[in-house]
C-alpha atoms as a PDB file:
ATOM      1  CA  MET A   1      56.220 -16.215 -14.450  1.00  0.00           C
ATOM      2  CA  GLU A   2      58.094 -12.951 -14.832  1.00  0.00           C
ATOM      3  CA  LEU A   3      57.036 -10.142 -12.534  1.00  0.00           C
ATOM      4  CA  GLU A   4      55.582  -7.045 -14.153  1.00  0.00           C
ATOM      5  CA  ASN A   5      57.366  -3.757 -13.425  1.00  0.00           C
ATOM      6  CA  TYR A   6      55.369  -0.718 -12.385  1.00  0.00           C
ATOM      7  CA  PRO A   7      56.235   2.973 -13.041  1.00  0.00           C
ATOM      8  CA  LEU A   8      56.881   3.683  -9.353  1.00  0.00           C
ATOM      9  CA  GLY A   9      59.294   0.794  -9.033  1.00  0.00           C
ATOM     10  CA  GLY A  10      56.943  -1.743  -7.463  1.00  0.00           C
ATOM     11  CA  LYS A  11      56.534  -5.300  -8.708  1.00  0.00           C
ATOM     12  CA  ALA A  12      53.478  -7.525  -8.810  1.00  0.00           C
ATOM     13  CA  LEU A  13      53.656 -10.659  -6.681  1.00  0.00           C
ATOM     14  CA  SER A  14      53.121 -14.007  -8.342  1.00  0.00           C
ATOM     15  CA  ASP A  15      51.005 -16.794  -6.881  1.00  0.00           C
ATOM     16  CA  LYS A  16      54.253 -18.568  -5.935  1.00  0.00           C
ATOM     17  CA  ASP A  17      55.440 -15.459  -4.066  1.00  0.00           C
ATOM     18  CA  LEU A  18      52.219 -15.433  -2.087  1.00  0.00           C
ATOM     19  CA  GLU A  19      52.410 -19.162  -1.349  1.00  0.00           C
ATOM     20  CA  ASN A  20      55.887 -18.658   0.138  1.00  0.00           C
ATOM     21  CA  SER A  21      54.832 -15.659   2.194  1.00  0.00           C
ATOM     22  CA  LEU A  22      54.461 -15.790   5.965  1.00  0.00           C
ATOM     23  CA  PHE A  23      51.187 -13.948   5.578  1.00  0.00           C
ATOM     24  CA  VAL A  24      49.358 -16.795   3.850  1.00  0.00           C
ATOM     25  CA  LYS A  25      51.054 -19.825   5.433  1.00  0.00           C
ATOM     26  CA  HIS A  26      49.068 -19.328   8.613  1.00  0.00           C
ATOM     27  CA  LYS A  27      45.329 -19.483   8.217  1.00  0.00           C
ATOM     28  CA  PRO A  28      43.781 -18.039  11.366  1.00  0.00           C
ATOM     29  CA  SER A  29      40.425 -19.097  12.671  1.00  0.00           C
ATOM     30  CA  LEU A  30      38.244 -16.039  12.281  1.00  0.00           C
ATOM     31  CA  LYS A  31      35.455 -17.215  14.560  1.00  0.00           C
ATOM     32  CA  TYR A  32      34.287 -14.613  17.032  1.00  0.00           C
ATOM     33  CA  ALA A  33      31.367 -13.912  19.298  1.00  0.00           C
ATOM     34  CA  TRP A  34      29.419 -10.707  19.679  1.00  0.00           C
ATOM     35  CA  ASP A  35      27.916  -9.634  22.988  1.00  0.00           C
ATOM     36  CA  ASN A  36      24.816  -7.537  22.471  1.00  0.00           C
ATOM     37  CA  GLY A  37      24.557  -6.429  26.072  1.00  0.00           C
ATOM     38  CA  VAL A  38      21.464  -6.479  28.269  1.00  0.00           C
ATOM     39  CA  ALA A  39      19.257  -3.987  26.414  1.00  0.00           C
ATOM     40  CA  ILE A  40      19.854  -5.109  22.831  1.00  0.00           C
ATOM     41  CA  SER A  41      19.763  -8.804  23.811  1.00  0.00           C
ATOM     42  CA  ARG A  42      16.270  -8.347  25.251  1.00  0.00           C
ATOM     43  CA  TYR A  43      15.239  -6.226  22.240  1.00  0.00           C
ATOM     44  CA  LEU A  44      16.313  -8.980  19.825  1.00  0.00           C
ATOM     45  CA  ALA A  45      14.662 -11.716  21.916  1.00  0.00           C
ATOM     46  CA  GLU A  46      11.399  -9.755  21.862  1.00  0.00           C
ATOM     47  CA  LEU A  47      11.638  -9.262  18.083  1.00  0.00           C
ATOM     48  CA  LYS A  48      11.810 -13.047  17.739  1.00  0.00           C
ATOM     49  CA  GLU A  49       8.473 -13.154  19.581  1.00  0.00           C
ATOM     50  CA  GLY A  50       6.958 -10.492  17.300  1.00  0.00           C
ATOM     51  CA  ARG A  51       7.121  -7.672  19.852  1.00  0.00           C
ATOM     52  CA  ILE A  52       9.053  -4.411  20.047  1.00  0.00           C
ATOM     53  CA  ILE A  53      10.328  -3.451  23.481  1.00  0.00           C
ATOM     54  CA  ALA A  54      11.755  -0.149  24.707  1.00  0.00           C
ATOM     55  CA  LYS A  55      13.159   1.298  27.922  1.00  0.00           C
ATOM     56  CA  LYS A  56      11.844   4.315  29.774  1.00  0.00           C
ATOM     57  CA  CYS A  57      13.950   7.036  31.402  1.00  0.00           C
ATOM     58  CA  ARG A  58      12.622   7.738  34.887  1.00  0.00           C
ATOM     59  CA  LYS A  59      14.062  11.282  34.888  1.00  0.00           C
ATOM     60  CA  CYS A  60      12.894  12.754  31.565  1.00  0.00           C
ATOM     61  CA  GLY A  61      10.150  10.209  30.819  1.00  0.00           C
ATOM     62  CA  ARG A  62      11.360   9.402  27.303  1.00  0.00           C
ATOM     63  CA  THR A  63      10.637   5.940  25.882  1.00  0.00           C
ATOM     64  CA  LEU A  64      13.784   4.807  24.057  1.00  0.00           C
ATOM     65  CA  VAL A  65      13.839   2.543  21.000  1.00  0.00           C
ATOM     66  CA  PRO A  66      16.074   0.694  20.494  1.00  0.00           C
ATOM     67  CA  PRO A  67      16.360   0.297  24.268  1.00  0.00           C
ATOM     68  CA  ARG A  68      19.405   1.595  26.127  1.00  0.00           C
ATOM     69  CA  MET A  69      20.615   0.991  29.647  1.00  0.00           C
ATOM     70  CA  PHE A  70      21.262   4.734  30.159  1.00  0.00           C
ATOM     71  CA  CYS A  71      19.424   7.793  28.883  1.00  0.00           C
ATOM     72  CA  GLU A  72      21.852   9.680  26.666  1.00  0.00           C
ATOM     73  CA  LEU A  73      20.251  13.012  27.654  1.00  0.00           C
ATOM     74  CA  CYS A  74      19.932  12.600  31.426  1.00  0.00           C
ATOM     75  CA  TRP A  75      22.752  10.123  32.048  1.00  0.00           C
ATOM     76  CA  VAL A  76      20.633   8.092  34.439  1.00  0.00           C
ATOM     77  CA  PRO A  77      19.959   4.362  34.203  1.00  0.00           C
ATOM     78  CA  THR A  78      16.749   3.429  32.449  1.00  0.00           C
ATOM     79  CA  ASP A  79      14.762   1.097  34.635  1.00  0.00           C
ATOM     80  CA  GLU A  80      11.392   0.284  33.095  1.00  0.00           C
ATOM     81  CA  TRP A  81      10.824  -2.032  30.135  1.00  0.00           C
ATOM     82  CA  VAL A  82       7.771  -1.106  28.043  1.00  0.00           C
ATOM     83  CA  TYR A  83       6.302  -2.498  24.856  1.00  0.00           C
ATOM     84  CA  VAL A  84       5.661  -0.184  21.928  1.00  0.00           C
ATOM     85  CA  GLU A  85       3.469  -0.774  18.908  1.00  0.00           C
ATOM     86  CA  ASP A  86       4.557  -2.270  15.602  1.00  0.00           C
ATOM     87  CA  THR A  87       3.019   0.748  13.917  1.00  0.00           C
ATOM     88  CA  GLY A  88       4.409   4.214  13.449  1.00  0.00           C
ATOM     89  CA  VAL A  89       5.051   7.059  11.033  1.00  0.00           C
ATOM     90  CA  VAL A  90       7.730   7.669   8.440  1.00  0.00           C
ATOM     91  CA  ASN A  91      10.148  10.286   9.774  1.00  0.00           C
ATOM     92  CA  THR A  92      12.326  10.331   6.645  1.00  0.00           C
ATOM     93  CA  PHE A  93      13.029   8.053   3.679  1.00  0.00           C
ATOM     94  CA  SER A  94      15.230   7.653   0.633  1.00  0.00           C
ATOM     95  CA  LEU A  95      15.066   5.923  -2.727  1.00  0.00           C
ATOM     96  CA  CYS A  96      18.102   3.670  -2.991  1.00  0.00           C
ATOM     97  CA  TYR A  97      19.216   2.291  -6.361  1.00  0.00           C
ATOM     98  CA  ILE A  98      22.126   0.301  -4.911  1.00  0.00           C
ATOM     99  CA  ASN A  99      21.732  -3.242  -3.549  1.00  0.00           C
ATOM    100  CA  TRP A 100      23.303  -4.389  -0.274  1.00  0.00           C
ATOM    101  CA  ASP A 101      26.148  -6.025  -2.221  1.00  0.00           C
ATOM    102  CA  ALA A 102      26.927  -2.643  -3.891  1.00  0.00           C
ATOM    103  CA  SER A 103      25.492  -3.739  -7.257  1.00  0.00           C
ATOM    104  CA  LEU A 104      22.969  -1.512  -8.998  1.00  0.00           C
ATOM    105  CA  VAL A 105      19.240  -2.192  -8.913  1.00  0.00           C
ATOM    106  CA  PRO A 106      18.423  -3.371 -12.452  1.00  0.00           C
ATOM    107  CA  LYS A 107      16.764  -0.827 -14.748  1.00  0.00           C
ATOM    108  CA  GLY A 108      13.006  -1.053 -14.578  1.00  0.00           C
ATOM    109  CA  LYS A 109      13.028  -2.450 -11.014  1.00  0.00           C
ATOM    110  CA  ASP A 110      11.811  -0.389  -8.063  1.00  0.00           C
ATOM    111  CA  PRO A 111      14.477   0.978  -5.724  1.00  0.00           C
ATOM    112  CA  HIS A 112      14.893  -0.084  -2.111  1.00  0.00           C
ATOM    113  CA  ILE A 113      13.231   2.401   0.240  1.00  0.00           C
ATOM    114  CA  PRO A 114      15.073   2.753   3.548  1.00  0.00           C
ATOM    115  CA  ALA A 115      13.147   4.837   6.067  1.00  0.00           C
ATOM    116  CA  VAL A 116      13.301   5.924   9.691  1.00  0.00           C
ATOM    117  CA  ILE A 117      10.103   4.825  11.411  1.00  0.00           C
ATOM    118  CA  GLU A 118       9.014   6.628  14.598  1.00  0.00           C
ATOM    119  CA  LEU A 119       7.193   3.958  16.546  1.00  0.00           C
ATOM    120  CA  ASP A 120       3.828   4.468  18.231  1.00  0.00           C
ATOM    121  CA  GLY A 121       4.379   4.400  21.986  1.00  0.00           C
ATOM    122  CA  ALA A 122       7.998   5.610  21.744  1.00  0.00           C
ATOM    123  CA  SER A 123       9.054   9.206  22.298  1.00  0.00           C
ATOM    124  CA  LYS A 124       9.140  11.643  19.389  1.00  0.00           C
ATOM    125  CA  GLY A 125      12.304  11.151  17.389  1.00  0.00           C
ATOM    126  CA  MET A 126      12.747   7.557  18.635  1.00  0.00           C
ATOM    127  CA  GLY A 127      12.573   4.937  15.983  1.00  0.00           C
ATOM    128  CA  ILE A 128      14.339   2.464  13.799  1.00  0.00           C
ATOM    129  CA  MET A 129      15.730   2.463  10.303  1.00  0.00           C
ATOM    130  CA  HIS A 130      14.163  -0.197   8.119  1.00  0.00           C
ATOM    131  CA  LEU A 131      12.681  -0.755   4.664  1.00  0.00           C
ATOM    132  CA  LEU A 132       9.308   0.261   3.284  1.00  0.00           C
ATOM    133  CA  GLY A 133       7.413  -2.229   1.131  1.00  0.00           C
ATOM    134  CA  GLU A 134       4.027  -2.645  -0.550  1.00  0.00           C
ATOM    135  CA  VAL A 135       4.041   1.070  -1.337  1.00  0.00           C
ATOM    136  CA  GLU A 136       3.751   3.050  -4.554  1.00  0.00           C
ATOM    137  CA  LEU A 137       6.746   5.369  -4.928  1.00  0.00           C
ATOM    138  CA  ASP A 138       4.619   8.439  -5.660  1.00  0.00           C
ATOM    139  CA  LYS A 139       2.507   7.865  -2.532  1.00  0.00           C
ATOM    140  CA  ILE A 140       5.359   7.792   0.010  1.00  0.00           C
ATOM    141  CA  LYS A 141       5.424  10.811   2.294  1.00  0.00           C
ATOM    142  CA  ILE A 142       6.861  11.904   5.590  1.00  0.00           C
ATOM    143  CA  GLY A 143       4.230  11.348   8.278  1.00  0.00           C
ATOM    144  CA  MET A 144       2.725   8.343   6.460  1.00  0.00           C
ATOM    145  CA  LYS A 145       1.349   5.727   8.891  1.00  0.00           C
ATOM    146  CA  VAL A 146       2.973   2.295   8.531  1.00  0.00           C
ATOM    147  CA  LYS A 147       2.785  -1.168  10.102  1.00  0.00           C
ATOM    148  CA  ALA A 148       5.447  -3.858  10.428  1.00  0.00           C
ATOM    149  CA  VAL A 149       5.218  -6.938   8.232  1.00  0.00           C
ATOM    150  CA  TRP A 150       6.784  -9.775  10.216  1.00  0.00           C
ATOM    151  CA  LYS A 151       8.397 -13.011   9.082  1.00  0.00           C
ATOM    152  CA  ALA A 152       6.430 -16.156   9.877  1.00  0.00           C
ATOM    153  CA  GLU A 153       6.910 -17.050  13.554  1.00  0.00           C
ATOM    154  CA  LYS A 154       8.930 -20.209  12.819  1.00  0.00           C
ATOM    155  CA  GLU A 155      11.321 -18.240  10.567  1.00  0.00           C
ATOM    156  CA  ARG A 156      12.233 -15.557  13.128  1.00  0.00           C
ATOM    157  CA  GLU A 157      15.722 -15.635  14.573  1.00  0.00           C
ATOM    158  CA  GLY A 158      15.979 -12.675  16.953  1.00  0.00           C
ATOM    159  CA  SER A 159      17.120 -10.030  14.482  1.00  0.00           C
ATOM    160  CA  ILE A 160      15.816  -6.735  13.132  1.00  0.00           C
ATOM    161  CA  THR A 161      15.241  -8.673   9.896  1.00  0.00           C
ATOM    162  CA  ASP A 162      12.428 -10.528  11.699  1.00  0.00           C
ATOM    163  CA  ILE A 163      10.504  -7.516  10.448  1.00  0.00           C
ATOM    164  CA  LEU A 164      10.496  -7.940   6.658  1.00  0.00           C
ATOM    165  CA  TYR A 165       9.469  -4.337   5.964  1.00  0.00           C
ATOM    166  CA  TRP A 166       6.928  -1.655   6.893  1.00  0.00           C
ATOM    167  CA  LYS A 167       3.820  -1.173   4.760  1.00  0.00           C
ATOM    168  CA  PRO A 168       1.392   1.732   4.637  1.00  0.00           C
ATOM    169  CA  LEU A 169      -1.721   1.571   6.827  1.00  0.00           C
ATOM    170  CA  GLU A 170      -4.845   2.264   4.863  1.00  0.00           C
END
């Protein structure tokens, strides 16, 4: 196969060129492990059990979700684990017409609705970003009360996706 010339003097590489390259002869193992740390590990373990846990700052009294080992305002270690509710209010939201794989949501289909949920029992401004579901687009508003919809217990794996989405409370 003849290589194609490009205006800036470069040349396309053929499959044979790539096969003979040092860069593709060696196929590395790309296995790796991720350490969540103490706070996020406990947070994820509690999600698997259908609970949301936070940490409390002893100096300023804030309840932090997701939990952290240090308060980012006071710079003191957080020392008390507390459970917060799986209810809260919508702090902000967006209508998203792009899927997670960067494809477009098909015409006529509802968009994804990512939102920041301030959790009941956590300090003001503390919350998590997740999806809204079971909601009419024209009824979404900031301050709307919502509740987590969890995966079935046997399907949970210790991930934020153990919460399927947040639905409005009637």
